[in-house]
Amino acid sequence: AELGKSFAQMIRSGKVDIISCTGANLEEDIMNLVAHSHY
């Protein structure tokens, strides 16, 4: 769902200290990074 657009800002701003996520969320952010035009 491309939450990274706002969540990455939260991380860079120091407002997130630790994350718990599913394996799907771990990999799918990187998949979106490298294959977005093919979605």
PDB file of all heavy atoms in Angstrom:
ATOM      1  N   ALA A   1       0.824  -1.212   0.000  1.00  0.00           N
ATOM      2  CA  ALA A   1       0.000   0.000   0.000  1.00  0.00           C
ATOM      3  C   ALA A   1       0.860   1.265   0.000  1.00  0.00           C
ATOM      4  O   ALA A   1       0.327   2.375   0.067  1.00  0.00           O
ATOM      5  CB  ALA A   1      -0.931  -0.004   1.212  1.00  0.00           C
ATOM      6  N   GLU A   2       2.172   1.103  -0.066  1.00  0.00           N
ATOM      7  CA  GLU A   2       3.145   2.208  -0.119  1.00  0.00           C
ATOM      8  C   GLU A   2       3.106   3.099   1.122  1.00  0.00           C
ATOM      9  O   GLU A   2       3.259   4.318   1.040  1.00  0.00           O
ATOM     10  CB  GLU A   2       2.952   3.042  -1.398  1.00  0.00           C
ATOM     11  CG  GLU A   2       3.178   2.229  -2.670  1.00  0.00           C
ATOM     12  CD  GLU A   2       3.171   3.081  -3.937  1.00  0.00           C
ATOM     13  OE1 GLU A   2       4.105   3.898  -4.112  1.00  0.00           O
ATOM     14  OE2 GLU A   2       2.229   2.908  -4.737  1.00  0.00           O
ATOM     15  N   LEU A   3       2.937   2.456   2.280  1.00  0.00           N
ATOM     16  CA  LEU A   3       2.996   3.204   3.531  1.00  0.00           C
ATOM     17  C   LEU A   3       4.374   3.829   3.740  1.00  0.00           C
ATOM     18  O   LEU A   3       4.528   4.774   4.503  1.00  0.00           O
ATOM     19  CB  LEU A   3       2.661   2.276   4.710  1.00  0.00           C
ATOM     20  CG  LEU A   3       2.482   2.956   6.074  1.00  0.00           C
ATOM     21  CD1 LEU A   3       1.258   3.858   6.065  1.00  0.00           C
ATOM     22  CD2 LEU A   3       2.377   1.928   7.192  1.00  0.00           C
ATOM     23  N   GLY A   4       5.365   3.286   3.035  1.00  0.00           N
ATOM     24  CA  GLY A   4       6.724   3.812   3.155  1.00  0.00           C
ATOM     25  C   GLY A   4       6.836   5.299   2.891  1.00  0.00           C
ATOM     26  O   GLY A   4       7.737   5.965   3.407  1.00  0.00           O
ATOM     27  N   LYS A   5       5.921   5.855   2.104  1.00  0.00           N
ATOM     28  CA  LYS A   5       5.969   7.285   1.797  1.00  0.00           C
ATOM     29  C   LYS A   5       5.904   8.132   3.067  1.00  0.00           C
ATOM     30  O   LYS A   5       6.525   9.190   3.154  1.00  0.00           O
ATOM     31  CB  LYS A   5       4.827   7.661   0.855  1.00  0.00           C
ATOM     32  CG  LYS A   5       5.022   7.210  -0.585  1.00  0.00           C
ATOM     33  CD  LYS A   5       3.818   7.567  -1.444  1.00  0.00           C
ATOM     34  CE  LYS A   5       4.033   7.194  -2.897  1.00  0.00           C
ATOM     35  NZ  LYS A   5       4.985   8.113  -3.559  1.00  0.00           N
ATOM     36  N   SER A   6       5.136   7.684   4.061  1.00  0.00           N
ATOM     37  CA  SER A   6       5.057   8.416   5.329  1.00  0.00           C
ATOM     38  C   SER A   6       5.854   7.725   6.432  1.00  0.00           C
ATOM     39  O   SER A   6       6.464   8.389   7.277  1.00  0.00           O
ATOM     40  CB  SER A   6       3.597   8.580   5.772  1.00  0.00           C
ATOM     41  OG  SER A   6       2.942   7.325   5.841  1.00  0.00           O
ATOM     42  N   PHE A   7       5.883   6.397   6.408  1.00  0.00           N
ATOM     43  CA  PHE A   7       6.553   5.657   7.479  1.00  0.00           C
ATOM     44  C   PHE A   7       8.062   5.878   7.459  1.00  0.00           C
ATOM     45  O   PHE A   7       8.704   5.956   8.508  1.00  0.00           O
ATOM     46  CB  PHE A   7       6.217   4.167   7.363  1.00  0.00           C
ATOM     47  CG  PHE A   7       6.600   3.347   8.560  1.00  0.00           C
ATOM     48  CD1 PHE A   7       6.383   3.812   9.854  1.00  0.00           C
ATOM     49  CD2 PHE A   7       7.168   2.082   8.410  1.00  0.00           C
ATOM     50  CE1 PHE A   7       6.724   3.060  10.967  1.00  0.00           C
ATOM     51  CE2 PHE A   7       7.511   1.317   9.515  1.00  0.00           C
ATOM     52  CZ  PHE A   7       7.295   1.805  10.790  1.00  0.00           C
ATOM     53  N   ALA A   8       8.642   6.001   6.264  1.00  0.00           N
ATOM     54  CA  ALA A   8      10.083   6.269   6.173  1.00  0.00           C
ATOM     55  C   ALA A   8      10.429   7.609   6.819  1.00  0.00           C
ATOM     56  O   ALA A   8      11.467   7.744   7.475  1.00  0.00           O
ATOM     57  CB  ALA A   8      10.538   6.245   4.707  1.00  0.00           C
ATOM     58  N   GLN A   9       9.552   8.590   6.664  1.00  0.00           N
ATOM     59  CA  GLN A   9       9.757   9.886   7.313  1.00  0.00           C
ATOM     60  C   GLN A   9       9.721   9.748   8.832  1.00  0.00           C
ATOM     61  O   GLN A   9      10.491  10.396   9.545  1.00  0.00           O
ATOM     62  CB  GLN A   9       8.677  10.883   6.883  1.00  0.00           C
ATOM     63  CG  GLN A   9       8.797  11.389   5.464  1.00  0.00           C
ATOM     64  CD  GLN A   9       7.691  12.382   5.142  1.00  0.00           C
ATOM     65  OE1 GLN A   9       6.679  12.039   4.546  1.00  0.00           O
ATOM     66  NE2 GLN A   9       7.880  13.620   5.527  1.00  0.00           N
ATOM     67  N   MET A  10       8.812   8.932   9.318  1.00  0.00           N
ATOM     68  CA  MET A  10       8.719   8.686  10.759  1.00  0.00           C
ATOM     69  C   MET A  10      10.024   8.085  11.287  1.00  0.00           C
ATOM     70  O   MET A  10      10.527   8.476  12.351  1.00  0.00           O
ATOM     71  CB  MET A  10       7.556   7.742  11.052  1.00  0.00           C
ATOM     72  CG  MET A  10       6.180   8.342  10.873  1.00  0.00           C
ATOM     73  SD  MET A  10       5.722   9.431  12.246  1.00  0.00           S
ATOM     74  CE  MET A  10       5.483   8.223  13.556  1.00  0.00           C
ATOM     75  N   ILE A  11      10.582   7.155  10.536  1.00  0.00           N
ATOM     76  CA  ILE A  11      11.831   6.507  10.945  1.00  0.00           C
ATOM     77  C   ILE A  11      12.976   7.509  10.941  1.00  0.00           C
ATOM     78  O   ILE A  11      13.737   7.617  11.908  1.00  0.00           O
ATOM     79  CB  ILE A  11      12.135   5.306  10.025  1.00  0.00           C
ATOM     80  CG1 ILE A  11      11.091   4.202  10.225  1.00  0.00           C
ATOM     81  CG2 ILE A  11      13.551   4.768  10.284  1.00  0.00           C
ATOM     82  CD1 ILE A  11      11.148   3.095   9.184  1.00  0.00           C
ATOM     83  N   ARG A  12      13.094   8.265   9.852  1.00  0.00           N
ATOM     84  CA  ARG A  12      14.178   9.255   9.756  1.00  0.00           C
ATOM     85  C   ARG A  12      14.055  10.328  10.832  1.00  0.00           C
ATOM     86  O   ARG A  12      15.063  10.862  11.295  1.00  0.00           O
ATOM     87  CB  ARG A  12      14.174   9.907   8.366  1.00  0.00           C
ATOM     88  CG  ARG A  12      14.708   9.031   7.260  1.00  0.00           C
ATOM     89  CD  ARG A  12      14.963   9.825   5.988  1.00  0.00           C
ATOM     90  NE  ARG A  12      13.730  10.394   5.445  1.00  0.00           N
ATOM     91  CZ  ARG A  12      12.937   9.767   4.577  1.00  0.00           C
ATOM     92  NH1 ARG A  12      13.240   8.548   4.164  1.00  0.00           N
ATOM     93  NH2 ARG A  12      11.852  10.355   4.116  1.00  0.00           N
ATOM     94  N   SER A  13      12.824  10.621  11.259  1.00  0.00           N
ATOM     95  CA  SER A  13      12.592  11.659  12.266  1.00  0.00           C
ATOM     96  C   SER A  13      12.767  11.154  13.692  1.00  0.00           C
ATOM     97  O   SER A  13      12.569  11.916  14.647  1.00  0.00           O
ATOM     98  CB  SER A  13      11.177  12.238  12.101  1.00  0.00           C
ATOM     99  OG  SER A  13      11.020  12.826  10.837  1.00  0.00           O
ATOM    100  N   GLY A  14      13.112   9.881  13.854  1.00  0.00           N
ATOM    101  CA  GLY A  14      13.357   9.336  15.185  1.00  0.00           C
ATOM    102  C   GLY A  14      12.095   9.067  15.983  1.00  0.00           C
ATOM    103  O   GLY A  14      12.143   8.983  17.209  1.00  0.00           O
ATOM    104  N   LYS A  15      10.970   8.896  15.293  1.00  0.00           N
ATOM    105  CA  LYS A  15       9.701   8.667  15.987  1.00  0.00           C
ATOM    106  C   LYS A  15       9.314   7.187  16.038  1.00  0.00           C
ATOM    107  O   LYS A  15       8.225   6.839  16.490  1.00  0.00           O
ATOM    108  CB  LYS A  15       8.595   9.495  15.322  1.00  0.00           C
ATOM    109  CG  LYS A  15       8.870  11.000  15.372  1.00  0.00           C
ATOM    110  CD  LYS A  15       7.767  11.821  14.749  1.00  0.00           C
ATOM    111  CE  LYS A  15       8.145  13.296  14.646  1.00  0.00           C
ATOM    112  NZ  LYS A  15       8.406  13.916  15.975  1.00  0.00           N
ATOM    113  N   VAL A  16      10.215   6.331  15.572  1.00  0.00           N
ATOM    114  CA  VAL A  16      10.028   4.876  15.628  1.00  0.00           C
ATOM    115  C   VAL A  16      11.339   4.282  16.149  1.00  0.00           C
ATOM    116  O   VAL A  16      12.407   4.585  15.613  1.00  0.00           O
ATOM    117  CB  VAL A  16       9.711   4.286  14.237  1.00  0.00           C
ATOM    118  CG1 VAL A  16       9.530   2.780  14.328  1.00  0.00           C
ATOM    119  CG2 VAL A  16       8.474   4.943  13.632  1.00  0.00           C
ATOM    120  N   ASP A  17      11.241   3.452  17.175  1.00  0.00           N
ATOM    121  CA  ASP A  17      12.462   2.903  17.785  1.00  0.00           C
ATOM    122  C   ASP A  17      12.670   1.427  17.496  1.00  0.00           C
ATOM    123  O   ASP A  17      13.798   0.931  17.547  1.00  0.00           O
ATOM    124  CB  ASP A  17      12.418   3.121  19.299  1.00  0.00           C
ATOM    125  CG  ASP A  17      12.381   4.594  19.650  1.00  0.00           C
ATOM    126  OD1 ASP A  17      13.424   5.256  19.500  1.00  0.00           O
ATOM    127  OD2 ASP A  17      11.306   5.096  20.030  1.00  0.00           O
ATOM    128  N   ILE A  18      11.598   0.725  17.192  1.00  0.00           N
ATOM    129  CA  ILE A  18      11.688  -0.696  16.874  1.00  0.00           C
ATOM    130  C   ILE A  18      10.429  -1.055  16.099  1.00  0.00           C
ATOM    131  O   ILE A  18       9.365  -0.454  16.300  1.00  0.00           O
ATOM    132  CB  ILE A  18      11.844  -1.562  18.145  1.00  0.00           C
ATOM    133  CG1 ILE A  18      12.080  -3.043  17.784  1.00  0.00           C
ATOM    134  CG2 ILE A  18      10.658  -1.403  19.090  1.00  0.00           C
ATOM    135  CD1 ILE A  18      12.508  -3.907  18.963  1.00  0.00           C
ATOM    136  N   ILE A  19      10.545  -2.017  15.196  1.00  0.00           N
ATOM    137  CA  ILE A  19       9.426  -2.434  14.346  1.00  0.00           C
ATOM    138  C   ILE A  19       9.194  -3.922  14.501  1.00  0.00           C
ATOM    139  O   ILE A  19      10.139  -4.706  14.613  1.00  0.00           O
ATOM    140  CB  ILE A  19       9.722  -2.123  12.868  1.00  0.00           C
ATOM    141  CG1 ILE A  19       9.848  -0.602  12.651  1.00  0.00           C
ATOM    142  CG2 ILE A  19       8.653  -2.702  11.942  1.00  0.00           C
ATOM    143  CD1 ILE A  19      10.441  -0.225  11.300  1.00  0.00           C
ATOM    144  N   SER A  20       7.927  -4.317  14.520  1.00  0.00           N
ATOM    145  CA  SER A  20       7.553  -5.722  14.379  1.00  0.00           C
ATOM    146  C   SER A  20       6.720  -5.813  13.117  1.00  0.00           C
ATOM    147  O   SER A  20       5.734  -5.073  12.969  1.00  0.00           O
ATOM    148  CB  SER A  20       6.737  -6.203  15.582  1.00  0.00           C
ATOM    149  OG  SER A  20       6.232  -7.518  15.349  1.00  0.00           O
ATOM    150  N   CYS A  21       7.107  -6.656  12.190  1.00  0.00           N
ATOM    151  CA  CYS A  21       6.330  -6.743  10.946  1.00  0.00           C
ATOM    152  C   CYS A  21       6.293  -8.172  10.431  1.00  0.00           C
ATOM    153  O   CYS A  21       7.112  -9.012  10.802  1.00  0.00           O
ATOM    154  CB  CYS A  21       6.906  -5.816   9.876  1.00  0.00           C
ATOM    155  SG  CYS A  21       8.473  -6.343   9.170  1.00  0.00           S
ATOM    156  N   THR A  22       5.326  -8.429   9.583  1.00  0.00           N
ATOM    157  CA  THR A  22       5.261  -9.720   8.917  1.00  0.00           C
ATOM    158  C   THR A  22       6.390  -9.809   7.894  1.00  0.00           C
ATOM    159  O   THR A  22       6.918  -8.795   7.439  1.00  0.00           O
ATOM    160  CB  THR A  22       3.920  -9.872   8.186  1.00  0.00           C
ATOM    161  OG1 THR A  22       3.781  -8.791   7.252  1.00  0.00           O
ATOM    162  CG2 THR A  22       2.756  -9.861   9.164  1.00  0.00           C
ATOM    163  N   GLY A  23       6.715 -11.045   7.512  1.00  0.00           N
ATOM    164  CA  GLY A  23       7.723 -11.238   6.485  1.00  0.00           C
ATOM    165  C   GLY A  23       7.324 -10.597   5.172  1.00  0.00           C
ATOM    166  O   GLY A  23       8.171 -10.115   4.421  1.00  0.00           O
ATOM    167  N   ALA A  24       6.009 -10.569   4.906  1.00  0.00           N
ATOM    168  CA  ALA A  24       5.527  -9.950   3.668  1.00  0.00           C
ATOM    169  C   ALA A  24       5.846  -8.467   3.646  1.00  0.00           C
ATOM    170  O   ALA A  24       6.326  -7.940   2.632  1.00  0.00           O
ATOM    171  CB  ALA A  24       4.022 -10.184   3.527  1.00  0.00           C
ATOM    172  N   ASN A  25       5.597  -7.761   4.741  1.00  0.00           N
ATOM    173  CA  ASN A  25       5.897  -6.325   4.770  1.00  0.00           C
ATOM    174  C   ASN A  25       7.397  -6.066   4.673  1.00  0.00           C
ATOM    175  O   ASN A  25       7.824  -5.071   4.082  1.00  0.00           O
ATOM    176  CB  ASN A  25       5.326  -5.691   6.037  1.00  0.00           C
ATOM    177  CG  ASN A  25       3.874  -5.316   5.876  1.00  0.00           C
ATOM    178  OD1 ASN A  25       3.515  -4.512   5.029  1.00  0.00           O
ATOM    179  ND2 ASN A  25       3.012  -5.912   6.691  1.00  0.00           N
ATOM    180  N   LEU A  26       8.195  -6.953   5.247  1.00  0.00           N
ATOM    181  CA  LEU A  26       9.654  -6.808   5.195  1.00  0.00           C
ATOM    182  C   LEU A  26      10.139  -6.816   3.748  1.00  0.00           C
ATOM    183  O   LEU A  26      10.943  -5.977   3.343  1.00  0.00           O
ATOM    184  CB  LEU A  26      10.310  -7.945   5.983  1.00  0.00           C
ATOM    185  CG  LEU A  26      11.821  -7.853   6.176  1.00  0.00           C
ATOM    186  CD1 LEU A  26      12.154  -6.849   7.267  1.00  0.00           C
ATOM    187  CD2 LEU A  26      12.394  -9.228   6.546  1.00  0.00           C
ATOM    188  N   GLU A  27       9.634  -7.760   2.957  1.00  0.00           N
ATOM    189  CA  GLU A  27      10.129  -7.932   1.591  1.00  0.00           C
ATOM    190  C   GLU A  27       9.399  -7.051   0.576  1.00  0.00           C
ATOM    191  O   GLU A  27       9.991  -6.595  -0.410  1.00  0.00           O
ATOM    192  CB  GLU A  27      10.001  -9.398   1.165  1.00  0.00           C
ATOM    193  CG  GLU A  27       8.562  -9.899   1.058  1.00  0.00           C
ATOM    194  CD  GLU A  27       8.451 -11.414   1.049  1.00  0.00           C
ATOM    195  OE1 GLU A  27       9.420 -12.087   1.453  1.00  0.00           O
ATOM    196  OE2 GLU A  27       7.387 -11.926   0.658  1.00  0.00           O
ATOM    197  N   GLU A  28       8.099  -6.780   0.826  1.00  0.00           N
ATOM    198  CA  GLU A  28       7.318  -6.090  -0.199  1.00  0.00           C
ATOM    199  C   GLU A  28       7.681  -4.615  -0.331  1.00  0.00           C
ATOM    200  O   GLU A  28       7.468  -4.016  -1.385  1.00  0.00           O
ATOM    201  CB  GLU A  28       5.824  -6.283   0.047  1.00  0.00           C
ATOM    202  CG  GLU A  28       5.384  -7.707  -0.296  1.00  0.00           C
ATOM    203  CD  GLU A  28       3.929  -7.998   0.042  1.00  0.00           C
ATOM    204  OE1 GLU A  28       3.168  -7.043   0.340  1.00  0.00           O
ATOM    205  OE2 GLU A  28       3.547  -9.189   0.011  1.00  0.00           O
ATOM    206  N   ASP A  29       8.235  -4.010   0.717  1.00  0.00           N
ATOM    207  CA  ASP A  29       8.730  -2.641   0.560  1.00  0.00           C
ATOM    208  C   ASP A  29       9.891  -2.622  -0.424  1.00  0.00           C
ATOM    209  O   ASP A  29       9.989  -1.716  -1.265  1.00  0.00           O
ATOM    210  CB  ASP A  29       9.181  -2.083   1.912  1.00  0.00           C
ATOM    211  CG  ASP A  29       9.750  -0.678   1.788  1.00  0.00           C
ATOM    212  OD1 ASP A  29       8.950   0.275   1.750  1.00  0.00           O
ATOM    213  OD2 ASP A  29      10.987  -0.546   1.709  1.00  0.00           O
ATOM    214  N   ILE A  30      10.768  -3.616  -0.345  1.00  0.00           N
ATOM    215  CA  ILE A  30      11.915  -3.672  -1.258  1.00  0.00           C
ATOM    216  C   ILE A  30      11.456  -4.038  -2.664  1.00  0.00           C
ATOM    217  O   ILE A  30      11.985  -3.531  -3.658  1.00  0.00           O
ATOM    218  CB  ILE A  30      12.970  -4.675  -0.739  1.00  0.00           C
ATOM    219  CG1 ILE A  30      13.368  -4.332   0.699  1.00  0.00           C
ATOM    220  CG2 ILE A  30      14.200  -4.669  -1.645  1.00  0.00           C
ATOM    221  CD1 ILE A  30      14.306  -5.333   1.341  1.00  0.00           C
ATOM    222  N   MET A  31      10.436  -4.902  -2.756  1.00  0.00           N
ATOM    223  CA  MET A  31       9.901  -5.251  -4.076  1.00  0.00           C
ATOM    224  C   MET A  31       9.338  -4.015  -4.774  1.00  0.00           C
ATOM    225  O   MET A  31       9.543  -3.808  -5.971  1.00  0.00           O
ATOM    226  CB  MET A  31       8.811  -6.314  -3.930  1.00  0.00           C
ATOM    227  CG  MET A  31       9.324  -7.666  -3.511  1.00  0.00           C
ATOM    228  SD  MET A  31       7.954  -8.819  -3.254  1.00  0.00           S
ATOM    229  CE  MET A  31       8.834 -10.239  -2.577  1.00  0.00           C
ATOM    230  N   ASN A  32       8.638  -3.188  -4.012  1.00  0.00           N
ATOM    231  CA  ASN A  32       8.104  -1.956  -4.578  1.00  0.00           C
ATOM    232  C   ASN A  32       9.230  -1.023  -5.016  1.00  0.00           C
ATOM    233  O   ASN A  32       9.121  -0.332  -6.036  1.00  0.00           O
ATOM    234  CB  ASN A  32       7.220  -1.248  -3.543  1.00  0.00           C
ATOM    235  CG  ASN A  32       6.608   0.037  -4.065  1.00  0.00           C
ATOM    236  OD1 ASN A  32       5.914   0.038  -5.070  1.00  0.00           O
ATOM    237  ND2 ASN A  32       6.874   1.141  -3.374  1.00  0.00           N
ATOM    238  N   LEU A  33      10.320  -1.043  -4.294  1.00  0.00           N
ATOM    239  CA  LEU A  33      11.477  -0.206  -4.632  1.00  0.00           C
ATOM    240  C   LEU A  33      12.082  -0.598  -5.977  1.00  0.00           C
ATOM    241  O   LEU A  33      12.459   0.261  -6.768  1.00  0.00           O
ATOM    242  CB  LEU A  33      12.533  -0.333  -3.518  1.00  0.00           C
ATOM    243  CG  LEU A  33      13.898   0.331  -3.731  1.00  0.00           C
ATOM    244  CD1 LEU A  33      13.748   1.848  -3.822  1.00  0.00           C
ATOM    245  CD2 LEU A  33      14.854  -0.042  -2.591  1.00  0.00           C
ATOM    246  N   VAL A  34      12.157  -1.910  -6.250  1.00  0.00           N
ATOM    247  CA  VAL A  34      12.873  -2.372  -7.441  1.00  0.00           C
ATOM    248  C   VAL A  34      11.975  -2.740  -8.623  1.00  0.00           C
ATOM    249  O   VAL A  34      12.473  -2.995  -9.716  1.00  0.00           O
ATOM    250  CB  VAL A  34      13.777  -3.588  -7.108  1.00  0.00           C
ATOM    251  CG1 VAL A  34      14.762  -3.239  -6.015  1.00  0.00           C
ATOM    252  CG2 VAL A  34      12.951  -4.818  -6.725  1.00  0.00           C
ATOM    253  N   ALA A  35      10.662  -2.781  -8.413  1.00  0.00           N
ATOM    254  CA  ALA A  35       9.787  -3.257  -9.498  1.00  0.00           C
ATOM    255  C   ALA A  35       8.509  -2.440  -9.651  1.00  0.00           C
ATOM    256  O   ALA A  35       7.540  -2.907 -10.238  1.00  0.00           O
ATOM    257  CB  ALA A  35       9.444  -4.729  -9.252  1.00  0.00           C
ATOM    258  N   HIS A  36       8.506  -1.217  -9.139  1.00  0.00           N
ATOM    259  CA  HIS A  36       7.269  -0.431  -9.067  1.00  0.00           C
ATOM    260  C   HIS A  36       6.568  -0.284 -10.416  1.00  0.00           C
ATOM    261  O   HIS A  36       5.342  -0.383 -10.500  1.00  0.00           O
ATOM    262  CB  HIS A  36       7.568   0.958  -8.496  1.00  0.00           C
ATOM    263  CG  HIS A  36       6.351   1.807  -8.313  1.00  0.00           C
ATOM    264  ND1 HIS A  36       5.457   1.608  -7.288  1.00  0.00           N
ATOM    265  CD2 HIS A  36       5.861   2.849  -9.041  1.00  0.00           C
ATOM    266  CE1 HIS A  36       4.479   2.495  -7.378  1.00  0.00           C
ATOM    267  NE2 HIS A  36       4.704   3.253  -8.431  1.00  0.00           N
ATOM    268  N   SER A  37       7.299  -0.059 -11.473  1.00  0.00           N
ATOM    269  CA  SER A  37       6.671   0.173 -12.781  1.00  0.00           C
ATOM    270  C   SER A  37       6.007  -1.075 -13.340  1.00  0.00           C
ATOM    271  O   SER A  37       5.189  -0.990 -14.271  1.00  0.00           O
ATOM    272  CB  SER A  37       7.713   0.691 -13.785  1.00  0.00           C
ATOM    273  OG  SER A  37       8.658  -0.319 -14.089  1.00  0.00           O
ATOM    274  N   HIS A  38       6.346  -2.235 -12.789  1.00  0.00           N
ATOM    275  CA  HIS A  38       5.784  -3.490 -13.266  1.00  0.00           C
ATOM    276  C   HIS A  38       4.539  -3.912 -12.476  1.00  0.00           C
ATOM    277  O   HIS A  38       3.894  -4.894 -12.822  1.00  0.00           O
ATOM    278  CB  HIS A  38       6.831  -4.605 -13.191  1.00  0.00           C
ATOM    279  CG  HIS A  38       8.043  -4.337 -14.023  1.00  0.00           C
ATOM    280  ND1 HIS A  38       8.099  -4.624 -15.367  1.00  0.00           N
ATOM    281  CD2 HIS A  38       9.241  -3.777 -13.702  1.00  0.00           C
ATOM    282  CE1 HIS A  38       9.284  -4.268 -15.844  1.00  0.00           C
ATOM    283  NE2 HIS A  38       9.998  -3.756 -14.848  1.00  0.00           N
ATOM    284  N   TYR A  39       4.233  -3.182 -11.405  1.00  0.00           N
ATOM    285  CA  TYR A  39       3.021  -3.466 -10.651  1.00  0.00           C
ATOM    286  C   TYR A  39       1.807  -3.118 -11.519  1.00  0.00           C
ATOM    287  O   TYR A  39       1.875  -2.221 -12.361  1.00  0.00           O
ATOM    288  CB  TYR A  39       2.968  -2.644  -9.355  1.00  0.00           C
ATOM    289  CG  TYR A  39       3.778  -3.212  -8.219  1.00  0.00           C
ATOM    290  CD1 TYR A  39       5.151  -3.425  -8.335  1.00  0.00           C
ATOM    291  CD2 TYR A  39       3.176  -3.530  -7.003  1.00  0.00           C
ATOM    292  CE1 TYR A  39       5.894  -3.938  -7.288  1.00  0.00           C
ATOM    293  CE2 TYR A  39       3.907  -4.038  -5.945  1.00  0.00           C
ATOM    294  CZ  TYR A  39       5.271  -4.241  -6.098  1.00  0.00           C
ATOM    295  OH  TYR A  39       6.003  -4.754  -5.050  1.00  0.00           O
TER     296      TYR A  39
END
